[in-house]
Protein backbone atom coordinates (compact mmCIF):
# COMPACT_ATOMS: atom_id res chain seq x y z
CA MET A 1 86.47 110.90 188.41
CA THR A 2 87.47 109.19 191.64
CA PRO A 3 86.41 110.23 195.14
CA PHE A 4 89.92 111.20 196.24
CA GLY A 5 91.28 112.49 192.96
CA GLY A 6 94.14 111.03 191.02
CA GLY A 7 97.63 111.69 189.80
CA PRO A 8 99.79 114.35 191.44
CA ARG A 9 96.80 116.14 193.00
CA MET A 10 95.55 113.13 194.97
CA CYS A 11 93.93 113.84 198.35
CA PRO A 12 96.46 113.53 201.18
CA GLY A 13 93.77 112.32 203.61
CA ARG A 14 92.50 109.42 201.50
CA TYR A 15 94.09 106.69 203.61
CA LEU A 16 92.82 108.19 206.85
CA ALA A 17 89.29 108.45 205.42
CA LEU A 18 89.33 104.80 204.35
CA VAL A 19 90.64 103.65 207.75
CA GLU A 20 87.92 105.68 209.50
CA ALA A 21 85.22 104.14 207.28
CA LYS A 22 86.47 100.63 208.08
CA THR A 23 86.59 101.46 211.80
CA VAL A 24 83.00 102.71 211.81
CA LEU A 25 81.78 99.65 209.92
CA ALA A 26 83.65 97.30 212.27
CA SER A 27 82.16 99.08 215.30
CA ILE A 28 78.63 98.70 213.92
CA VAL A 29 79.12 95.00 213.17
CA ARG A 30 80.70 94.41 216.58
CA ASN A 31 78.02 96.19 218.63
CA PHE A 32 74.85 95.41 216.68
CA HIS A 33 73.09 92.47 215.14
CA LEU A 34 71.91 93.33 211.60
CA GLU A 35 68.74 91.75 210.28
CA PRO A 36 66.53 92.51 207.29
CA SER A 37 63.58 94.78 207.91
CA ALA A 38 60.14 93.13 208.07
CA ASP A 39 58.87 94.76 204.87
CA THR A 40 61.81 93.69 202.73
CA ARG A 41 61.43 93.95 198.98
CA PRO A 42 64.01 92.47 196.63
CA VAL A 43 67.08 94.67 196.37
CA ARG A 44 68.02 95.75 192.85
CA GLU A 45 71.27 97.25 191.64
CA LEU A 46 71.17 100.80 190.34
CA TYR A 47 73.76 101.47 187.68
CA THR A 48 74.76 105.11 187.97
CA PHE A 49 78.26 106.52 188.39
CA THR A 50 78.78 103.72 190.90
CA MET A 51 76.75 100.56 191.42
CA ASN A 52 74.41 101.02 194.42
CA PRO A 53 71.50 99.07 195.90
CA SER A 54 68.03 100.49 195.19
CA HIS A 55 67.25 100.19 198.91
CA LEU A 56 68.66 98.11 201.72
CA PRO A 57 66.40 98.21 204.79
CA VAL A 58 68.08 96.68 207.84
CA ARG A 59 67.41 96.83 211.55
CA LEU A 60 70.21 97.35 214.06
CA LEU A 61 69.60 95.45 217.27
CA PRO A 62 72.00 95.92 220.20
CA ARG A 63 74.03 92.83 221.09
């Protein structure tokens, strides 16, 4: 199963959703400085349907 479907019934808004996600991420990186949180534990990978971090504590500081 893919997030936007597959084959002839693929989501028509998939490209717009991906462009919006990239735009939001670029805005965050442009306007904030990201640093690890003070109580950082090692991040582990969780293997579920997709591979995700167990936790990823970061602080967003305005530039």
